[in-house]
N, C-alpha and C. Protein backbone atom coordinates (compact mmCIF):
# COMPACT_ATOMS: atom_id res chain seq x y z
N MET A 1 81.58 84.80 16.65
CA MET A 1 81.67 86.24 16.55
C MET A 1 80.39 86.78 15.92
N GLN A 2 79.86 87.84 16.50
CA GLN A 2 78.65 88.47 15.96
C GLN A 2 79.00 89.72 15.17
N ILE A 3 78.12 90.06 14.27
CA ILE A 3 78.23 91.31 13.53
C ILE A 3 77.08 92.21 14.01
N PHE A 4 77.41 93.40 14.51
CA PHE A 4 76.41 94.38 14.93
C PHE A 4 76.34 95.46 13.86
N ASP A 5 75.18 96.09 13.76
CA ASP A 5 74.96 97.13 12.76
C ASP A 5 74.93 98.49 13.44
N CYS A 6 76.01 99.25 13.31
CA CYS A 6 76.04 100.61 13.84
C CYS A 6 75.16 101.47 12.94
N PRO A 7 74.20 102.24 13.49
CA PRO A 7 73.35 103.07 12.66
C PRO A 7 74.12 104.17 11.92
N PHE A 8 75.35 104.41 12.30
CA PHE A 8 76.15 105.47 11.69
C PHE A 8 77.20 104.92 10.72
N CYS A 9 77.76 103.73 11.01
CA CYS A 9 78.88 103.18 10.23
C CYS A 9 78.55 101.89 9.49
N GLY A 10 77.41 101.29 9.78
CA GLY A 10 77.07 100.02 9.15
C GLY A 10 77.56 98.82 9.95
N GLU A 11 77.64 97.67 9.29
CA GLU A 11 77.98 96.42 9.98
C GLU A 11 79.45 96.40 10.40
N ARG A 12 79.66 95.98 11.64
CA ARG A 12 81.01 95.89 12.21
C ARG A 12 81.06 94.68 13.15
N ASN A 13 82.28 94.24 13.45
CA ASN A 13 82.52 93.14 14.37
C ASN A 13 82.10 93.54 15.79
N GLU A 14 81.53 92.60 16.54
CA GLU A 14 81.04 92.89 17.89
C GLU A 14 82.12 93.44 18.82
N THR A 15 83.39 93.16 18.54
CA THR A 15 84.47 93.65 19.41
C THR A 15 84.63 95.16 19.35
N GLU A 16 83.97 95.81 18.38
CA GLU A 16 84.03 97.28 18.26
C GLU A 16 82.95 97.98 19.09
N PHE A 17 82.16 97.21 19.85
CA PHE A 17 81.03 97.78 20.58
C PHE A 17 81.16 97.56 22.07
N HIS A 18 80.58 98.47 22.83
CA HIS A 18 80.60 98.39 24.29
C HIS A 18 79.18 98.61 24.82
N PHE A 19 78.70 97.67 25.67
CA PHE A 19 77.40 97.82 26.31
C PHE A 19 77.47 98.97 27.30
N VAL A 20 76.47 99.86 27.25
CA VAL A 20 76.46 101.03 28.14
C VAL A 20 75.45 100.87 29.26
N ALA A 21 74.19 100.55 28.92
CA ALA A 21 73.15 100.49 29.95
C ALA A 21 71.87 99.89 29.39
N GLU A 22 70.97 99.55 30.31
CA GLU A 22 69.62 99.18 29.92
C GLU A 22 68.91 100.45 29.45
N ALA A 23 68.19 100.37 28.38
CA ALA A 23 67.43 101.54 27.91
C ALA A 23 66.24 101.75 28.86
N GLY A 24 65.97 103.00 29.16
CA GLY A 24 64.81 103.33 29.98
C GLY A 24 65.07 103.31 31.48
N LYS A 25 66.27 102.97 31.89
CA LYS A 25 66.58 102.96 33.32
C LYS A 25 66.66 104.41 33.81
N VAL A 26 65.89 104.74 34.83
CA VAL A 26 65.78 106.12 35.30
C VAL A 26 66.72 106.37 36.47
N ARG A 27 67.55 107.38 36.32
CA ARG A 27 68.49 107.76 37.38
C ARG A 27 67.72 108.37 38.55
N PRO A 28 68.01 107.94 39.78
CA PRO A 28 67.30 108.51 40.93
C PRO A 28 67.67 109.98 41.14
N GLU A 29 66.67 110.78 41.36
CA GLU A 29 66.84 112.21 41.58
C GLU A 29 65.88 112.66 42.68
N PRO A 30 66.09 113.77 43.31
CA PRO A 30 67.22 114.68 43.23
C PRO A 30 68.45 114.08 43.92
N ALA A 31 69.61 114.39 43.41
CA ALA A 31 70.86 113.77 43.85
C ALA A 31 71.10 113.92 45.35
N ARG A 32 70.74 115.04 45.91
CA ARG A 32 70.99 115.27 47.36
C ARG A 32 70.18 114.34 48.25
N GLU A 33 69.10 113.80 47.72
CA GLU A 33 68.22 112.94 48.52
C GLU A 33 68.42 111.45 48.26
N VAL A 34 69.31 111.10 47.35
CA VAL A 34 69.53 109.69 47.02
C VAL A 34 70.42 109.05 48.08
N THR A 35 69.91 107.98 48.67
CA THR A 35 70.68 107.27 49.70
C THR A 35 71.77 106.43 49.05
N PRO A 36 72.80 106.09 49.79
CA PRO A 36 73.85 105.21 49.24
C PRO A 36 73.28 103.87 48.75
N GLU A 37 72.28 103.35 49.46
CA GLU A 37 71.67 102.07 49.08
C GLU A 37 70.93 102.19 47.75
N LEU A 38 70.18 103.27 47.56
CA LEU A 38 69.45 103.48 46.31
C LEU A 38 70.42 103.69 45.15
N TRP A 39 71.50 104.44 45.39
CA TRP A 39 72.49 104.68 44.34
C TRP A 39 73.18 103.36 43.96
N ALA A 40 73.54 102.56 44.93
CA ALA A 40 74.17 101.25 44.66
C ALA A 40 73.22 100.36 43.87
N SER A 41 71.96 100.38 44.21
CA SER A 41 70.97 99.58 43.48
C SER A 41 70.85 100.06 42.04
N TYR A 42 70.83 101.36 41.82
CA TYR A 42 70.76 101.92 40.47
C TYR A 42 71.97 101.49 39.64
N LEU A 43 73.14 101.53 40.24
CA LEU A 43 74.37 101.20 39.51
C LEU A 43 74.54 99.71 39.24
N HIS A 44 74.12 98.87 40.16
CA HIS A 44 74.49 97.47 40.09
C HIS A 44 73.35 96.48 39.84
N THR A 45 72.11 96.89 40.00
CA THR A 45 70.99 95.98 39.78
C THR A 45 70.54 96.06 38.33
N LYS A 46 70.53 94.92 37.67
CA LYS A 46 70.14 94.84 36.26
C LYS A 46 68.88 93.98 36.13
N ASN A 47 68.00 94.32 35.17
CA ASN A 47 66.81 93.51 34.93
C ASN A 47 67.16 92.17 34.31
N ASN A 48 68.09 92.16 33.35
CA ASN A 48 68.54 90.95 32.67
C ASN A 48 67.37 90.08 32.21
N PRO A 49 66.49 90.62 31.36
CA PRO A 49 65.30 89.87 30.93
C PRO A 49 65.66 88.71 30.01
N ARG A 50 64.83 87.71 30.01
CA ARG A 50 64.96 86.59 29.08
C ARG A 50 64.06 86.91 27.90
N GLY A 51 64.66 87.09 26.73
CA GLY A 51 63.89 87.45 25.54
C GLY A 51 64.31 88.82 25.02
N THR A 52 63.35 89.57 24.50
CA THR A 52 63.65 90.87 23.89
C THR A 52 64.06 91.90 24.94
N SER A 53 65.14 92.60 24.64
CA SER A 53 65.66 93.62 25.52
C SER A 53 66.07 94.84 24.69
N ARG A 54 65.88 96.03 25.23
CA ARG A 54 66.34 97.26 24.57
C ARG A 54 67.48 97.81 25.40
N GLU A 55 68.62 98.04 24.75
CA GLU A 55 69.84 98.42 25.45
C GLU A 55 70.52 99.59 24.74
N ILE A 56 71.35 100.29 25.48
CA ILE A 56 72.16 101.37 24.91
C ILE A 56 73.59 100.83 24.72
N TRP A 57 74.11 101.03 23.53
CA TRP A 57 75.46 100.57 23.18
C TRP A 57 76.26 101.74 22.61
N ARG A 58 77.58 101.62 22.66
CA ARG A 58 78.48 102.61 22.04
C ARG A 58 79.33 101.88 21.01
N HIS A 59 79.41 102.48 19.81
CA HIS A 59 80.34 101.95 18.82
C HIS A 59 81.67 102.64 19.07
N LEU A 60 82.68 101.87 19.44
CA LEU A 60 83.98 102.44 19.78
C LEU A 60 84.66 103.06 18.56
N GLY A 61 84.30 102.61 17.37
CA GLY A 61 84.88 103.15 16.14
C GLY A 61 84.54 104.62 15.93
N CYS A 62 83.25 104.96 16.00
CA CYS A 62 82.83 106.34 15.77
C CYS A 62 82.49 107.07 17.07
N GLY A 63 82.34 106.31 18.17
CA GLY A 63 82.05 106.92 19.47
C GLY A 63 80.59 107.22 19.72
N GLU A 64 79.72 106.91 18.76
CA GLU A 64 78.30 107.24 18.90
C GLU A 64 77.55 106.24 19.77
N LEU A 65 76.55 106.75 20.50
CA LEU A 65 75.65 105.91 21.27
C LEU A 65 74.43 105.60 20.43
N PHE A 66 73.86 104.40 20.61
CA PHE A 66 72.65 104.02 19.89
C PHE A 66 71.91 102.97 20.70
N ALA A 67 70.64 102.75 20.35
CA ALA A 67 69.82 101.74 21.02
C ALA A 67 69.80 100.48 20.16
N MET A 68 69.85 99.33 20.83
CA MET A 68 69.77 98.04 20.15
C MET A 68 68.69 97.21 20.82
N ARG A 69 67.80 96.66 20.01
CA ARG A 69 66.84 95.67 20.51
C ARG A 69 67.37 94.31 20.09
N ARG A 70 67.51 93.40 21.06
CA ARG A 70 68.02 92.08 20.74
C ARG A 70 67.36 91.04 21.62
N ASP A 71 67.43 89.82 21.15
CA ASP A 71 66.90 88.68 21.91
C ASP A 71 68.05 88.15 22.76
N THR A 72 67.89 88.18 24.07
CA THR A 72 68.97 87.78 24.96
C THR A 72 69.16 86.26 25.01
N VAL A 73 68.21 85.51 24.48
CA VAL A 73 68.33 84.05 24.44
C VAL A 73 69.10 83.62 23.20
N SER A 74 68.66 84.09 22.04
CA SER A 74 69.29 83.68 20.78
C SER A 74 70.45 84.60 20.40
N MET A 75 70.57 85.75 21.06
CA MET A 75 71.57 86.77 20.76
C MET A 75 71.32 87.47 19.42
N ALA A 76 70.17 87.23 18.81
CA ALA A 76 69.84 87.86 17.52
C ALA A 76 69.54 89.34 17.72
N VAL A 77 70.11 90.17 16.85
CA VAL A 77 69.82 91.61 16.87
C VAL A 77 68.53 91.82 16.09
N ILE A 78 67.54 92.45 16.73
CA ILE A 78 66.24 92.69 16.11
C ILE A 78 66.25 94.02 15.36
N ALA A 79 66.80 95.05 15.99
CA ALA A 79 66.84 96.38 15.36
C ALA A 79 67.87 97.24 16.08
N VAL A 80 68.39 98.22 15.36
CA VAL A 80 69.25 99.25 15.96
C VAL A 80 68.68 100.60 15.56
N GLU A 81 68.86 101.59 16.41
CA GLU A 81 68.36 102.93 16.10
C GLU A 81 69.26 103.98 16.74
N SER A 82 69.46 105.06 16.03
CA SER A 82 70.18 106.18 16.64
C SER A 82 69.30 106.70 17.76
N LEU A 83 69.86 107.35 18.70
CA LEU A 83 69.06 107.87 19.81
C LEU A 83 68.20 109.05 19.35
N GLY A 84 68.40 109.49 18.10
CA GLY A 84 67.54 110.50 17.49
C GLY A 84 66.28 109.88 16.91
N GLY A 85 66.19 108.53 16.89
CA GLY A 85 64.98 107.85 16.47
C GLY A 85 64.99 107.25 15.08
N ASN A 86 66.11 107.26 14.37
CA ASN A 86 66.17 106.69 13.02
C ASN A 86 66.47 105.20 13.10
N GLU A 87 65.45 104.36 12.95
CA GLU A 87 65.62 102.91 13.07
C GLU A 87 66.13 102.32 11.77
N ARG A 88 66.98 101.28 11.90
CA ARG A 88 67.54 100.57 10.75
C ARG A 88 67.16 99.13 10.80
């Protein structure tokens, strides 16, 4: 079991968190011009890097979204930050 650090509530059990998305993934626009293939790729294709990754997570306890940098190999959390930019 891992302990994640919510920037709003502090350390909590990993079961209180939900992965939302890769940070920096750009939604295709304008919506009227997005093909079904491009939309499917946006929804289902993940980079899944080996090593450091920046991701968006939600703490189910407080409902807040935040960014987490972690090593996908060791599963070590490097840093967490509110989406307002306050790093912990």
